[in-house]
Protein backbone atom coordinates (compact mmCIF):
# COMPACT_ATOMS: atom_id res chain seq x y z
CA MET A 1 16.18 72.34 -30.17
CA PRO A 2 14.38 68.96 -30.10
CA GLN A 3 11.86 68.37 -32.86
CA ILE A 4 8.47 66.79 -32.24
CA THR A 5 6.34 65.35 -35.02
CA LEU A 6 2.61 65.37 -34.40
CA ALA A 7 0.55 62.88 -36.34
CA SER A 8 -2.72 64.08 -37.79
CA PRO A 9 -4.99 62.72 -40.51
CA GLN A 10 -4.24 65.70 -42.74
CA LYS A 11 -0.47 66.16 -42.38
CA ASN A 12 2.47 66.00 -40.02
CA ILE A 13 3.35 69.13 -38.07
CA ARG A 14 6.86 69.85 -36.77
CA LEU A 15 7.30 71.92 -33.64
CA CYS A 16 10.31 73.10 -31.70
CA ALA A 17 9.84 72.17 -28.05
CA PRO A 18 10.81 74.80 -25.47
CA MET A 19 14.11 74.05 -23.71
CA GLY A 20 13.73 71.76 -20.74
CA TYR A 21 10.19 70.61 -21.56
CA PRO A 22 10.35 67.60 -23.92
CA ASP A 23 10.51 65.07 -21.09
CA GLY A 24 7.75 66.85 -19.18
CA MET A 25 5.23 66.95 -22.02
CA LYS A 26 1.90 65.18 -21.66
CA VAL A 27 -0.68 64.46 -24.34
CA LEU A 28 -4.19 64.73 -22.90
CA VAL A 29 -7.80 64.94 -24.08
CA LYS A 30 -9.98 67.80 -22.84
CA SER A 31 -13.66 68.59 -23.16
CA ILE A 32 -13.97 72.00 -24.81
CA ARG A 33 -17.35 72.67 -23.16
CA THR A 34 -16.44 71.75 -19.57
CA GLY A 35 -12.65 72.14 -19.56
CA LEU A 36 -12.37 68.72 -17.88
CA PHE A 37 -9.73 66.14 -18.85
CA LEU A 38 -10.38 62.50 -19.75
CA ASP A 39 -9.36 60.32 -16.82
CA GLY A 40 -8.24 56.69 -16.70
CA ALA A 41 -11.54 55.46 -15.27
CA GLY A 42 -13.63 56.46 -18.30
CA GLY A 43 -14.82 59.70 -16.71
CA TRP A 44 -13.61 63.28 -16.55
CA THR A 45 -11.44 65.16 -14.05
CA ALA A 46 -10.56 68.79 -13.40
CA LYS A 47 -6.96 67.88 -12.53
CA SER A 48 -4.62 67.34 -15.47
CA LYS A 49 -2.34 65.27 -13.20
CA ASP A 50 -5.17 62.69 -12.92
CA ALA A 51 -5.87 62.65 -16.65
CA THR A 52 -5.16 59.81 -19.06
CA GLU A 53 -1.81 60.37 -20.80
CA PHE A 54 -1.55 59.29 -24.43
CA ALA A 55 1.71 58.24 -26.07
CA THR A 56 1.10 60.43 -29.13
CA THR A 57 -1.31 63.04 -30.40
CA GLY A 58 -2.42 60.52 -33.01
CA ALA A 59 -3.35 58.03 -30.28
CA ALA A 60 -5.42 60.70 -28.50
CA TYR A 61 -7.17 61.68 -31.74
CA ASP A 62 -7.87 58.03 -32.62
CA TYR A 63 -9.28 57.34 -29.14
CA CYS A 64 -11.70 60.26 -29.44
CA HIS A 65 -12.70 59.21 -32.95
CA GLN A 66 -13.25 55.56 -31.95
CA HIS A 67 -15.37 56.58 -28.94
CA ARG A 68 -17.26 59.19 -31.00
CA PHE A 69 -16.40 62.05 -28.67
CA CYS A 70 -17.68 65.43 -29.81
CA GLY A 71 -16.39 68.76 -28.57
CA THR A 72 -12.98 67.54 -27.46
CA ALA A 73 -9.41 68.63 -28.06
CA THR A 74 -5.99 67.04 -27.82
CA ILE A 75 -3.79 69.06 -25.49
CA ILE A 76 -0.01 68.99 -25.43
CA ARG A 77 0.61 70.02 -21.83
CA PHE A 78 3.96 71.49 -20.77
CA HIS A 79 5.24 72.37 -17.29
CA ASN A 80 4.38 76.00 -18.05
CA PRO A 81 0.73 76.18 -19.26
CA ARG A 82 1.70 79.21 -21.35
CA HIS A 83 3.33 76.76 -23.78
CA ASP A 84 0.34 74.39 -24.02
CA ILE A 85 -0.92 73.56 -27.50
CA GLU A 86 -4.55 72.67 -28.24
CA PHE A 87 -5.81 70.81 -31.31
CA ARG A 88 -9.60 70.77 -31.53
CA HIS A 89 -11.14 67.66 -33.02
CA PRO A 90 -13.46 68.17 -35.98
């Protein structure tokens, strides 16, 4: 199974990606309060397909930190939402 390393300030986390999903993964930022995703125009959207895609979880975390976003989470989105992973930002 492919291994994915997620960068975080505290430690690296290794996950096994579900079969058939590694190429379809997206790293997104979501507002915990509204459930909306960060879009490419500096606003928020309800549709994950219109959301800004980050190259890594570290890049998403850094973006939120640099822009002083509160109440957001990095989402690793798979084809099947049942496999999605959410990392809430402190």
